[in-house]
């Protein structure tokens, strides 16, 4: 009996993503030992909890109030975050003709709120730090309603995609992040002297936990992690933050925000909360369905950091030469205006 001939495009999808997409009644399921799988889940929860407590410790109630009373910058930033990034994720998933599960992964990543990386990048770009922190806080709080709504909206553009989106599990994961974030805010309000210590300690624990996750993933998933590095997924991961940075700056320029605020909005728009996205993908989807694709947000996070670092270097270089030129011009002008002595 002859075997059915595979369609070349289907084979390309299969080779690229290697999820449980059925191909002639056969499927590939990357096997992770149950102990390693549970350990990764636990570590991801710890990472997310520490991140959200640390972020909460950076929030000051008085500054949040001031931006709420003058909400122009925050409103524009939220509009850019939840307008540009989900549409970008949807458009790229369509343009690169991703299969169902990779498309869901990209959409969830695009619909995530801003992450703490944006605060660091805003600082490197000499942005408005108060605005950056308030923007991250607001987008995180709004995620509980916005993420399921946007996923429901954009999944309609794909055939049967809504069947793959675990809305209830996503909402549970989002509700879970608000608790540690609230704890961090309360700690900063009632015990501000401990905030910096908690944040610094959190960063150390966070780095160790991320390292442990990477080691466990390497042991558990092995070579199948290379399928996350498929050309189309890498192209999507590279284009998403670049488009976010660009449109964040353009939109804030249209609304005539200051240059500091424009740089801040750009970083907030292009940077997603990769810890949240990874945790949602790992906990909301069964391993046999998601496969190694739960690692896509980590790769996306590396790409957004690399691209942002290039922008920081360009900005700092431009600022350096502009300042030197200005100082030279002022010195020359001063010399010309200096009174001459008697002849």
C-alpha atoms as a PDB file:
ATOM      1  CA  UNK A   1       0.000   0.000   0.000  1.00  0.00           C
ATOM      2  CA  UNK A   2       1.395   3.386  -1.048  1.00  0.00           C
ATOM      3  CA  UNK A   3       1.979   6.021   1.592  1.00  0.00           C
ATOM      4  CA  UNK A   4       0.244   9.344   0.976  1.00  0.00           C
ATOM      5  CA  UNK A   5       2.487  12.047  -0.495  1.00  0.00           C
ATOM      6  CA  UNK A   6       3.042  14.915   1.951  1.00  0.00           C
ATOM      7  CA  UNK A   7       2.354  18.452   0.850  1.00  0.00           C
ATOM      8  CA  UNK A   8       5.689  20.368   0.822  1.00  0.00           C
ATOM      9  CA  UNK A   9       4.245  23.310   2.769  1.00  0.00           C
ATOM     10  CA  UNK A  10       2.891  21.006   5.493  1.00  0.00           C
ATOM     11  CA  UNK A  11       6.281  19.334   5.772  1.00  0.00           C
ATOM     12  CA  UNK A  12       7.940  22.734   6.096  1.00  0.00           C
ATOM     13  CA  UNK A  13       5.513  23.679   8.905  1.00  0.00           C
ATOM     14  CA  UNK A  14       6.207  20.380  10.618  1.00  0.00           C
ATOM     15  CA  UNK A  15       9.965  20.678  10.372  1.00  0.00           C
ATOM     16  CA  UNK A  16       9.912  24.301  11.515  1.00  0.00           C
ATOM     17  CA  UNK A  17       7.813  23.996  14.639  1.00  0.00           C
ATOM     18  CA  UNK A  18       7.645  20.320  15.662  1.00  0.00           C
ATOM     19  CA  UNK A  19       4.637  20.627  17.898  1.00  0.00           C
ATOM     20  CA  UNK A  20       1.779  18.147  18.162  1.00  0.00           C
ATOM     21  CA  UNK A  21       0.320  19.275  14.834  1.00  0.00           C
ATOM     22  CA  UNK A  22      -0.992  16.061  13.323  1.00  0.00           C
ATOM     23  CA  UNK A  23       0.687  15.088  10.074  1.00  0.00           C
ATOM     24  CA  UNK A  24      -0.774  11.963   8.476  1.00  0.00           C
ATOM     25  CA  UNK A  25      -2.044  10.730  11.822  1.00  0.00           C
ATOM     26  CA  UNK A  26       1.377  10.981  13.455  1.00  0.00           C
ATOM     27  CA  UNK A  27       2.680  13.601  15.846  1.00  0.00           C
ATOM     28  CA  UNK A  28       5.891  14.593  17.514  1.00  0.00           C
ATOM     29  CA  UNK A  29       5.834  15.011  21.272  1.00  0.00           C
ATOM     30  CA  UNK A  30       8.976  16.217  22.979  1.00  0.00           C
ATOM     31  CA  UNK A  31       9.362  14.180  26.158  1.00  0.00           C
ATOM     32  CA  UNK A  32      10.364  15.933  29.382  1.00  0.00           C
ATOM     33  CA  UNK A  33      10.658  13.778  32.501  1.00  0.00           C
ATOM     34  CA  UNK A  34       7.774  14.595  34.906  1.00  0.00           C
ATOM     35  CA  UNK A  35      10.162  15.617  37.715  1.00  0.00           C
ATOM     36  CA  UNK A  36      12.010  18.096  35.463  1.00  0.00           C
ATOM     37  CA  UNK A  37       8.714  19.396  34.061  1.00  0.00           C
ATOM     38  CA  UNK A  38       7.306  20.076  37.545  1.00  0.00           C
ATOM     39  CA  UNK A  39      10.586  21.680  38.651  1.00  0.00           C
ATOM     40  CA  UNK A  40      10.535  24.027  35.635  1.00  0.00           C
ATOM     41  CA  UNK A  41       6.917  24.968  36.409  1.00  0.00           C
ATOM     42  CA  UNK A  42       7.796  25.715  40.030  1.00  0.00           C
ATOM     43  CA  UNK A  43      10.852  27.777  39.094  1.00  0.00           C
ATOM     44  CA  UNK A  44       8.862  29.803  36.558  1.00  0.00           C
ATOM     45  CA  UNK A  45       6.280  30.620  39.237  1.00  0.00           C
ATOM     46  CA  UNK A  46       9.100  31.679  41.595  1.00  0.00           C
ATOM     47  CA  UNK A  47      10.698  33.826  38.867  1.00  0.00           C
ATOM     48  CA  UNK A  48       7.398  35.534  38.079  1.00  0.00           C
ATOM     49  CA  UNK A  49       6.566  36.092  41.769  1.00  0.00           C
ATOM     50  CA  UNK A  50       9.985  37.642  42.502  1.00  0.00           C
ATOM     51  CA  UNK A  51       9.751  39.827  39.395  1.00  0.00           C
ATOM     52  CA  UNK A  52       6.312  41.151  40.322  1.00  0.00           C
ATOM     53  CA  UNK A  53       7.225  41.787  43.987  1.00  0.00           C
ATOM     54  CA  UNK A  54      10.354  43.652  42.852  1.00  0.00           C
ATOM     55  CA  UNK A  55       8.318  45.674  40.369  1.00  0.00           C
ATOM     56  CA  UNK A  56       5.785  46.494  43.075  1.00  0.00           C
ATOM     57  CA  UNK A  57       8.615  47.733  45.304  1.00  0.00           C
ATOM     58  CA  UNK A  58       9.537  50.302  42.649  1.00  0.00           C
ATOM     59  CA  UNK A  59       6.015  51.774  42.544  1.00  0.00           C
ATOM     60  CA  UNK A  60       5.324  54.873  44.606  1.00  0.00           C
ATOM     61  CA  UNK A  61       1.680  55.652  45.364  1.00  0.00           C
ATOM     62  CA  UNK A  62       2.229  59.442  45.184  1.00  0.00           C
ATOM     63  CA  UNK A  63       3.819  59.224  41.714  1.00  0.00           C
ATOM     64  CA  UNK A  64       1.090  56.900  40.509  1.00  0.00           C
ATOM     65  CA  UNK A  65      -1.504  59.423  41.709  1.00  0.00           C
ATOM     66  CA  UNK A  66       0.219  62.306  39.905  1.00  0.00           C
ATOM     67  CA  UNK A  67       0.206  60.424  36.600  1.00  0.00           C
ATOM     68  CA  UNK A  68      -3.413  59.372  37.126  1.00  0.00           C
ATOM     69  CA  UNK A  69      -4.384  63.042  37.629  1.00  0.00           C
ATOM     70  CA  UNK A  70      -2.475  63.905  34.418  1.00  0.00           C
ATOM     71  CA  UNK A  71      -3.033  60.735  32.421  1.00  0.00           C
ATOM     72  CA  UNK A  72      -2.021  61.882  28.920  1.00  0.00           C
ATOM     73  CA  UNK A  73       1.341  60.072  28.838  1.00  0.00           C
ATOM     74  CA  UNK A  74       0.015  56.894  30.450  1.00  0.00           C
ATOM     75  CA  UNK A  75      -3.071  56.807  28.195  1.00  0.00           C
ATOM     76  CA  UNK A  76      -0.941  57.146  25.056  1.00  0.00           C
ATOM     77  CA  UNK A  77       1.460  54.470  26.314  1.00  0.00           C
ATOM     78  CA  UNK A  78      -1.342  51.999  27.111  1.00  0.00           C
ATOM     79  CA  UNK A  79      -2.904  52.687  23.702  1.00  0.00           C
ATOM     80  CA  UNK A  80       0.444  51.976  22.034  1.00  0.00           C
ATOM     81  CA  UNK A  81       1.084  48.865  24.165  1.00  0.00           C
ATOM     82  CA  UNK A  82      -2.286  47.203  23.603  1.00  0.00           C
ATOM     83  CA  UNK A  83      -2.843  48.655  20.134  1.00  0.00           C
ATOM     84  CA  UNK A  84       0.489  48.257  18.349  1.00  0.00           C
ATOM     85  CA  UNK A  85       1.881  44.995  19.757  1.00  0.00           C
ATOM     86  CA  UNK A  86      -1.179  42.689  19.420  1.00  0.00           C
ATOM     87  CA  UNK A  87      -1.794  43.994  15.881  1.00  0.00           C
ATOM     88  CA  UNK A  88       1.894  43.488  15.061  1.00  0.00           C
ATOM     89  CA  UNK A  89       1.817  39.911  16.405  1.00  0.00           C
ATOM     90  CA  UNK A  90      -1.356  39.152  14.419  1.00  0.00           C
ATOM     91  CA  UNK A  91       0.024  40.679  11.204  1.00  0.00           C
ATOM     92  CA  UNK A  92       3.354  38.834  11.456  1.00  0.00           C
ATOM     93  CA  UNK A  93       1.656  35.506  12.249  1.00  0.00           C
ATOM     94  CA  UNK A  94      -0.481  36.004   9.144  1.00  0.00           C
ATOM     95  CA  UNK A  95       2.386  37.221   6.962  1.00  0.00           C
ATOM     96  CA  UNK A  96       4.606  34.245   7.859  1.00  0.00           C
ATOM     97  CA  UNK A  97       1.631  31.820   7.718  1.00  0.00           C
ATOM     98  CA  UNK A  98       2.319  30.278  11.117  1.00  0.00           C
ATOM     99  CA  UNK A  99       0.520  27.107  12.167  1.00  0.00           C
ATOM    100  CA  UNK A 100      -2.042  27.211  14.984  1.00  0.00           C
ATOM    101  CA  UNK A 101       0.140  26.684  18.053  1.00  0.00           C
ATOM    102  CA  UNK A 102       3.022  28.940  16.931  1.00  0.00           C
ATOM    103  CA  UNK A 103       0.431  31.602  16.032  1.00  0.00           C
ATOM    104  CA  UNK A 104      -1.108  31.363  19.538  1.00  0.00           C
ATOM    105  CA  UNK A 105       2.361  31.646  21.097  1.00  0.00           C
ATOM    106  CA  UNK A 106       3.156  34.785  19.071  1.00  0.00           C
ATOM    107  CA  UNK A 107      -0.267  36.320  19.826  1.00  0.00           C
ATOM    108  CA  UNK A 108       0.055  35.714  23.576  1.00  0.00           C
ATOM    109  CA  UNK A 109       3.520  37.273  23.495  1.00  0.00           C
ATOM    110  CA  UNK A 110       2.163  40.297  21.606  1.00  0.00           C
ATOM    111  CA  UNK A 111      -0.775  40.741  23.995  1.00  0.00           C
ATOM    112  CA  UNK A 112       1.387  40.640  27.155  1.00  0.00           C
ATOM    113  CA  UNK A 113       1.879  43.823  29.226  1.00  0.00           C
ATOM    114  CA  UNK A 114       5.173  45.706  29.443  1.00  0.00           C
ATOM    115  CA  UNK A 115       7.967  44.164  31.460  1.00  0.00           C
ATOM    116  CA  UNK A 116      10.547  45.420  33.933  1.00  0.00           C
ATOM    117  CA  UNK A 117      13.219  45.410  31.198  1.00  0.00           C
ATOM    118  CA  UNK A 118      11.542  48.504  29.762  1.00  0.00           C
ATOM    119  CA  UNK A 119      12.308  50.405  32.987  1.00  0.00           C
ATOM    120  CA  UNK A 120      16.020  49.596  32.686  1.00  0.00           C
ATOM    121  CA  UNK A 121      16.081  50.567  29.004  1.00  0.00           C
ATOM    122  CA  UNK A 122      14.180  53.796  29.697  1.00  0.00           C
ATOM    123  CA  UNK A 123      16.840  54.644  32.277  1.00  0.00           C
ATOM    124  CA  UNK A 124      19.617  53.908  29.754  1.00  0.00           C
ATOM    125  CA  UNK A 125      17.894  56.221  27.248  1.00  0.00           C
ATOM    126  CA  UNK A 126      17.452  58.964  29.878  1.00  0.00           C
ATOM    127  CA  UNK A 127      13.675  58.636  29.730  1.00  0.00           C
ATOM    128  CA  UNK A 128      11.002  59.590  32.238  1.00  0.00           C
ATOM    129  CA  UNK A 129      11.413  56.914  34.926  1.00  0.00           C
ATOM    130  CA  UNK A 130       8.235  57.810  36.823  1.00  0.00           C
ATOM    131  CA  UNK A 131       6.228  57.507  33.613  1.00  0.00           C
ATOM    132  CA  UNK A 132       7.978  54.231  32.752  1.00  0.00           C
ATOM    133  CA  UNK A 133       7.144  52.599  36.086  1.00  0.00           C
ATOM    134  CA  UNK A 134       3.540  53.839  36.057  1.00  0.00           C
ATOM    135  CA  UNK A 135       3.125  52.622  32.461  1.00  0.00           C
ATOM    136  CA  UNK A 136       4.414  49.150  33.351  1.00  0.00           C
ATOM    137  CA  UNK A 137       2.120  49.075  36.393  1.00  0.00           C
ATOM    138  CA  UNK A 138      -0.975  50.163  34.461  1.00  0.00           C
ATOM    139  CA  UNK A 139      -0.398  47.772  31.560  1.00  0.00           C
ATOM    140  CA  UNK A 140       0.122  44.909  34.051  1.00  0.00           C
ATOM    141  CA  UNK A 141      -3.095  45.685  35.920  1.00  0.00           C
ATOM    142  CA  UNK A 142      -5.053  46.074  32.669  1.00  0.00           C
ATOM    143  CA  UNK A 143      -3.696  42.761  31.354  1.00  0.00           C
ATOM    144  CA  UNK A 144      -6.270  40.833  33.392  1.00  0.00           C
ATOM    145  CA  UNK A 145      -9.007  42.131  31.089  1.00  0.00           C
ATOM    146  CA  UNK A 146      -7.104  43.168  27.962  1.00  0.00           C
ATOM    147  CA  UNK A 147      -5.183  39.958  27.255  1.00  0.00           C
ATOM    148  CA  UNK A 148      -8.214  37.612  27.062  1.00  0.00           C
ATOM    149  CA  UNK A 149     -10.184  40.258  25.133  1.00  0.00           C
ATOM    150  CA  UNK A 150      -7.434  40.845  22.556  1.00  0.00           C
ATOM    151  CA  UNK A 151      -6.765  37.112  22.164  1.00  0.00           C
ATOM    152  CA  UNK A 152     -10.472  36.522  21.587  1.00  0.00           C
ATOM    153  CA  UNK A 153     -10.546  39.326  19.013  1.00  0.00           C
ATOM    154  CA  UNK A 154      -7.444  38.378  17.032  1.00  0.00           C
ATOM    155  CA  UNK A 155      -7.969  34.625  17.149  1.00  0.00           C
ATOM    156  CA  UNK A 156     -11.039  35.159  14.963  1.00  0.00           C
ATOM    157  CA  UNK A 157      -8.658  35.917  12.111  1.00  0.00           C
ATOM    158  CA  UNK A 158      -7.375  32.320  12.106  1.00  0.00           C
ATOM    159  CA  UNK A 159      -9.406  29.218  11.346  1.00  0.00           C
ATOM    160  CA  UNK A 160     -10.095  27.248  14.571  1.00  0.00           C
ATOM    161  CA  UNK A 161      -7.440  29.203  16.493  1.00  0.00           C
ATOM    162  CA  UNK A 162      -9.872  30.134  19.297  1.00  0.00           C
ATOM    163  CA  UNK A 163     -10.035  26.411  20.172  1.00  0.00           C
ATOM    164  CA  UNK A 164      -6.337  26.503  21.108  1.00  0.00           C
ATOM    165  CA  UNK A 165      -6.479  29.538  23.435  1.00  0.00           C
ATOM    166  CA  UNK A 166      -6.939  28.532  27.126  1.00  0.00           C
ATOM    167  CA  UNK A 167      -8.687  31.729  28.240  1.00  0.00           C
ATOM    168  CA  UNK A 168      -9.499  30.537  31.775  1.00  0.00           C
ATOM    169  CA  UNK A 169      -5.933  29.397  32.506  1.00  0.00           C
ATOM    170  CA  UNK A 170      -4.555  32.668  31.166  1.00  0.00           C
ATOM    171  CA  UNK A 171      -6.881  34.657  33.432  1.00  0.00           C
ATOM    172  CA  UNK A 172      -5.817  32.533  36.421  1.00  0.00           C
ATOM    173  CA  UNK A 173      -2.142  33.208  35.647  1.00  0.00           C
ATOM    174  CA  UNK A 174      -2.809  36.941  35.302  1.00  0.00           C
ATOM    175  CA  UNK A 175      -4.763  37.073  38.562  1.00  0.00           C
ATOM    176  CA  UNK A 176      -1.846  35.288  40.229  1.00  0.00           C
ATOM    177  CA  UNK A 177       0.625  38.049  39.253  1.00  0.00           C
ATOM    178  CA  UNK A 178      -1.456  40.818  40.817  1.00  0.00           C
ATOM    179  CA  UNK A 179      -0.976  39.385  44.335  1.00  0.00           C
ATOM    180  CA  UNK A 180       2.865  39.632  44.465  1.00  0.00           C
ATOM    181  CA  UNK A 181       2.694  42.990  42.681  1.00  0.00           C
ATOM    182  CA  UNK A 182       0.272  44.258  45.353  1.00  0.00           C
ATOM    183  CA  UNK A 183       2.557  42.912  48.091  1.00  0.00           C
ATOM    184  CA  UNK A 184       5.457  44.857  46.569  1.00  0.00           C
ATOM    185  CA  UNK A 185       3.411  48.083  46.465  1.00  0.00           C
ATOM    186  CA  UNK A 186       2.376  47.664  50.133  1.00  0.00           C
ATOM    187  CA  UNK A 187       5.976  46.957  51.180  1.00  0.00           C
ATOM    188  CA  UNK A 188       7.185  50.069  49.395  1.00  0.00           C
ATOM    189  CA  UNK A 189       4.407  52.159  50.965  1.00  0.00           C
ATOM    190  CA  UNK A 190       4.672  50.949  54.566  1.00  0.00           C
ATOM    191  CA  UNK A 191       8.331  49.818  54.687  1.00  0.00           C
ATOM    192  CA  UNK A 192      10.154  51.857  52.009  1.00  0.00           C
ATOM    193  CA  UNK A 193      13.507  51.279  53.745  1.00  0.00           C
ATOM    194  CA  UNK A 194      13.367  47.595  52.736  1.00  0.00           C
ATOM    195  CA  UNK A 195      12.367  48.163  49.078  1.00  0.00           C
ATOM    196  CA  UNK A 196      15.874  48.502  47.629  1.00  0.00           C
ATOM    197  CA  UNK A 197      17.135  45.469  49.548  1.00  0.00           C
ATOM    198  CA  UNK A 198      14.201  43.361  48.363  1.00  0.00           C
ATOM    199  CA  UNK A 199      14.708  44.503  44.768  1.00  0.00           C
ATOM    200  CA  UNK A 200      18.454  43.772  44.807  1.00  0.00           C
ATOM    201  CA  UNK A 201      17.958  40.388  46.474  1.00  0.00           C
ATOM    202  CA  UNK A 202      15.172  39.633  44.022  1.00  0.00           C
ATOM    203  CA  UNK A 203      17.455  40.289  41.045  1.00  0.00           C
ATOM    204  CA  UNK A 204      20.075  37.823  42.372  1.00  0.00           C
ATOM    205  CA  UNK A 205      17.473  35.108  43.016  1.00  0.00           C
ATOM    206  CA  UNK A 206      15.885  35.864  39.642  1.00  0.00           C
ATOM    207  CA  UNK A 207      19.173  35.371  37.777  1.00  0.00           C
ATOM    208  CA  UNK A 208      19.887  32.094  39.593  1.00  0.00           C
ATOM    209  CA  UNK A 209      16.357  30.822  38.902  1.00  0.00           C
ATOM    210  CA  UNK A 210      16.589  31.721  35.198  1.00  0.00           C
ATOM    211  CA  UNK A 211      19.952  29.920  34.980  1.00  0.00           C
ATOM    212  CA  UNK A 212      18.414  26.846  36.644  1.00  0.00           C
ATOM    213  CA  UNK A 213      15.463  26.915  34.210  1.00  0.00           C
ATOM    214  CA  UNK A 214      17.833  27.107  31.223  1.00  0.00           C
ATOM    215  CA  UNK A 215      19.845  24.118  32.493  1.00  0.00           C
ATOM    216  CA  UNK A 216      16.707  22.055  33.165  1.00  0.00           C
ATOM    217  CA  UNK A 217      15.261  22.917  29.757  1.00  0.00           C
ATOM    218  CA  UNK A 218      18.527  21.920  28.065  1.00  0.00           C
ATOM    219  CA  UNK A 219      18.467  18.558  29.894  1.00  0.00           C
ATOM    220  CA  UNK A 220      14.740  17.941  29.442  1.00  0.00           C
ATOM    221  CA  UNK A 221      14.078  19.232  25.935  1.00  0.00           C
ATOM    222  CA  UNK A 222      17.512  18.787  24.403  1.00  0.00           C
ATOM    223  CA  UNK A 223      17.859  19.279  20.653  1.00  0.00           C
ATOM    224  CA  UNK A 224      14.173  20.037  20.064  1.00  0.00           C
ATOM    225  CA  UNK A 225      14.779  23.561  21.391  1.00  0.00           C
ATOM    226  CA  UNK A 226      16.368  24.257  17.998  1.00  0.00           C
ATOM    227  CA  UNK A 227      12.894  24.143  16.477  1.00  0.00           C
ATOM    228  CA  UNK A 228      12.072  27.376  18.336  1.00  0.00           C
ATOM    229  CA  UNK A 229      14.917  28.915  16.333  1.00  0.00           C
ATOM    230  CA  UNK A 230      13.135  28.147  13.045  1.00  0.00           C
ATOM    231  CA  UNK A 231      13.670  30.929  10.470  1.00  0.00           C
ATOM    232  CA  UNK A 232      10.090  32.194  10.493  1.00  0.00           C
ATOM    233  CA  UNK A 233       9.820  32.335  14.280  1.00  0.00           C
ATOM    234  CA  UNK A 234      13.185  34.090  14.473  1.00  0.00           C
ATOM    235  CA  UNK A 235      12.012  36.596  11.867  1.00  0.00           C
ATOM    236  CA  UNK A 236       8.835  37.258  13.868  1.00  0.00           C
ATOM    237  CA  UNK A 237      10.824  37.591  17.106  1.00  0.00           C
ATOM    238  CA  UNK A 238      13.190  40.074  15.468  1.00  0.00           C
ATOM    239  CA  UNK A 239      10.538  42.251  13.825  1.00  0.00           C
ATOM    240  CA  UNK A 240       8.080  42.520  16.748  1.00  0.00           C
ATOM    241  CA  UNK A 241      10.211  44.607  19.151  1.00  0.00           C
ATOM    242  CA  UNK A 242      11.594  46.767  16.317  1.00  0.00           C
ATOM    243  CA  UNK A 243       8.073  47.627  15.148  1.00  0.00           C
ATOM    244  CA  UNK A 244       7.024  48.256  18.756  1.00  0.00           C
ATOM    245  CA  UNK A 245       9.910  50.665  19.423  1.00  0.00           C
ATOM    246  CA  UNK A 246       9.290  52.518  16.153  1.00  0.00           C
ATOM    247  CA  UNK A 247       5.529  52.938  16.459  1.00  0.00           C
ATOM    248  CA  UNK A 248       5.736  53.742  20.179  1.00  0.00           C
ATOM    249  CA  UNK A 249       7.996  56.686  19.329  1.00  0.00           C
ATOM    250  CA  UNK A 250       5.902  57.746  16.316  1.00  0.00           C
ATOM    251  CA  UNK A 251       2.580  57.687  18.215  1.00  0.00           C
ATOM    252  CA  UNK A 252       3.976  59.642  21.171  1.00  0.00           C
ATOM    253  CA  UNK A 253       5.469  62.167  18.704  1.00  0.00           C
ATOM    254  CA  UNK A 254       2.076  62.633  17.048  1.00  0.00           C
ATOM    255  CA  UNK A 255       0.588  63.463  20.455  1.00  0.00           C
ATOM    256  CA  UNK A 256       3.478  65.887  21.105  1.00  0.00           C
ATOM    257  CA  UNK A 257       4.952  64.282  24.196  1.00  0.00           C
ATOM    258  CA  UNK A 258       8.403  65.454  25.312  1.00  0.00           C
ATOM    259  CA  UNK A 259      11.487  63.733  23.909  1.00  0.00           C
ATOM    260  CA  UNK A 260      12.075  61.979  27.255  1.00  0.00           C
ATOM    261  CA  UNK A 261       8.493  60.705  27.232  1.00  0.00           C
ATOM    262  CA  UNK A 262       8.772  59.583  23.598  1.00  0.00           C
ATOM    263  CA  UNK A 263      11.811  57.437  24.357  1.00  0.00           C
ATOM    264  CA  UNK A 264      10.023  56.008  27.401  1.00  0.00           C
ATOM    265  CA  UNK A 265       6.853  55.133  25.461  1.00  0.00           C
ATOM    266  CA  UNK A 266       8.976  53.531  22.714  1.00  0.00           C
ATOM    267  CA  UNK A 267      10.662  51.198  25.213  1.00  0.00           C
ATOM    268  CA  UNK A 268       7.402  50.374  26.991  1.00  0.00           C
ATOM    269  CA  UNK A 269       5.692  49.532  23.708  1.00  0.00           C
ATOM    270  CA  UNK A 270       8.409  47.263  22.325  1.00  0.00           C
ATOM    271  CA  UNK A 271       9.244  45.415  25.569  1.00  0.00           C
ATOM    272  CA  UNK A 272       6.945  42.599  26.660  1.00  0.00           C
ATOM    273  CA  UNK A 273       6.852  40.813  30.014  1.00  0.00           C
ATOM    274  CA  UNK A 274       8.650  37.654  28.863  1.00  0.00           C
ATOM    275  CA  UNK A 275       8.554  36.072  32.342  1.00  0.00           C
ATOM    276  CA  UNK A 276       4.762  36.341  32.370  1.00  0.00           C
ATOM    277  CA  UNK A 277       4.451  35.065  28.814  1.00  0.00           C
ATOM    278  CA  UNK A 278       6.720  32.064  29.455  1.00  0.00           C
ATOM    279  CA  UNK A 279       4.840  31.160  32.646  1.00  0.00           C
ATOM    280  CA  UNK A 280       1.447  31.398  30.912  1.00  0.00           C
ATOM    281  CA  UNK A 281       2.588  29.203  28.025  1.00  0.00           C
ATOM    282  CA  UNK A 282       4.144  26.630  30.345  1.00  0.00           C
ATOM    283  CA  UNK A 283       1.262  26.405  32.818  1.00  0.00           C
ATOM    284  CA  UNK A 284      -1.758  26.998  30.570  1.00  0.00           C
ATOM    285  CA  UNK A 285      -0.825  24.520  27.826  1.00  0.00           C
ATOM    286  CA  UNK A 286      -0.143  20.783  28.234  1.00  0.00           C
ATOM    287  CA  UNK A 287       3.431  19.817  27.388  1.00  0.00           C
ATOM    288  CA  UNK A 288       2.372  17.555  24.541  1.00  0.00           C
ATOM    289  CA  UNK A 289       0.640  20.529  22.900  1.00  0.00           C
ATOM    290  CA  UNK A 290       3.095  23.395  23.456  1.00  0.00           C
ATOM    291  CA  UNK A 291       6.330  21.410  23.141  1.00  0.00           C
ATOM    292  CA  UNK A 292       9.485  23.564  23.250  1.00  0.00           C
ATOM    293  CA  UNK A 293       7.582  26.619  21.983  1.00  0.00           C
ATOM    294  CA  UNK A 294       7.122  27.919  25.552  1.00  0.00           C
ATOM    295  CA  UNK A 295      10.749  29.072  25.166  1.00  0.00           C
ATOM    296  CA  UNK A 296       9.851  31.532  22.387  1.00  0.00           C
ATOM    297  CA  UNK A 297       9.319  34.476  24.808  1.00  0.00           C
ATOM    298  CA  UNK A 298      12.855  33.995  26.180  1.00  0.00           C
ATOM    299  CA  UNK A 299      14.285  34.195  22.659  1.00  0.00           C
ATOM    300  CA  UNK A 300      12.038  37.185  21.982  1.00  0.00           C
ATOM    301  CA  UNK A 301      13.330  38.813  25.184  1.00  0.00           C
ATOM    302  CA  UNK A 302      16.940  38.352  24.046  1.00  0.00           C
ATOM    303  CA  UNK A 303      16.151  39.858  20.644  1.00  0.00           C
ATOM    304  CA  UNK A 304      14.311  42.851  22.104  1.00  0.00           C
ATOM    305  CA  UNK A 305      17.236  43.491  24.458  1.00  0.00           C
ATOM    306  CA  UNK A 306      19.792  43.294  21.622  1.00  0.00           C
ATOM    307  CA  UNK A 307      17.799  45.705  19.438  1.00  0.00           C
ATOM    308  CA  UNK A 308      17.215  48.081  22.345  1.00  0.00           C
ATOM    309  CA  UNK A 309      20.929  47.994  23.187  1.00  0.00           C
ATOM    310  CA  UNK A 310      21.706  49.117  19.637  1.00  0.00           C
ATOM    311  CA  UNK A 311      19.246  51.999  20.055  1.00  0.00           C
ATOM    312  CA  UNK A 312      20.877  52.956  23.371  1.00  0.00           C
ATOM    313  CA  UNK A 313      24.331  52.995  21.734  1.00  0.00           C
ATOM    314  CA  UNK A 314      23.031  55.130  18.836  1.00  0.00           C
ATOM    315  CA  UNK A 315      21.323  57.551  21.248  1.00  0.00           C
ATOM    316  CA  UNK A 316      24.364  57.860  23.535  1.00  0.00           C
ATOM    317  CA  UNK A 317      26.693  58.364  20.549  1.00  0.00           C
ATOM    318  CA  UNK A 318      24.426  61.038  19.069  1.00  0.00           C
ATOM    319  CA  UNK A 319      24.153  62.750  22.453  1.00  0.00           C
ATOM    320  CA  UNK A 320      27.937  62.672  22.912  1.00  0.00           C
ATOM    321  CA  UNK A 321      28.720  64.308  19.565  1.00  0.00           C
ATOM    322  CA  UNK A 322      25.847  66.797  19.894  1.00  0.00           C
ATOM    323  CA  UNK A 323      27.052  67.869  23.348  1.00  0.00           C
ATOM    324  CA  UNK A 324      30.655  68.235  22.154  1.00  0.00           C
ATOM    325  CA  UNK A 325      29.542  70.278  19.153  1.00  0.00           C
ATOM    326  CA  UNK A 326      27.409  72.515  21.369  1.00  0.00           C
ATOM    327  CA  UNK A 327      30.233  73.034  23.869  1.00  0.00           C
ATOM    328  CA  UNK A 328      32.678  73.902  21.065  1.00  0.00           C
ATOM    329  CA  UNK A 329      30.190  76.376  19.598  1.00  0.00           C
ATOM    330  CA  UNK A 330      29.639  78.061  22.979  1.00  0.00           C
ATOM    331  CA  UNK A 331      33.381  78.342  23.628  1.00  0.00           C
ATOM    332  CA  UNK A 332      33.955  79.944  20.209  1.00  0.00           C
ATOM    333  CA  UNK A 333      31.075  82.354  20.780  1.00  0.00           C
ATOM    334  CA  UNK A 334      32.467  83.308  24.204  1.00  0.00           C
ATOM    335  CA  UNK A 335      35.895  84.000  22.736  1.00  0.00           C
ATOM    336  CA  UNK A 336      34.424  86.276  20.047  1.00  0.00           C
ATOM    337  CA  UNK A 337      32.456  88.294  22.610  1.00  0.00           C
ATOM    338  CA  UNK A 338      35.326  88.660  25.083  1.00  0.00           C
ATOM    339  CA  UNK A 339      36.347  92.334  25.476  1.00  0.00           C
ATOM    340  CA  UNK A 340      39.712  93.220  24.029  1.00  0.00           C
ATOM    341  CA  UNK A 341      42.222  95.100  26.080  1.00  0.00           C
ATOM    342  CA  UNK A 342      43.451  98.579  25.322  1.00  0.00           C
ATOM    343  CA  UNK A 343      45.878  98.926  22.447  1.00  0.00           C
END
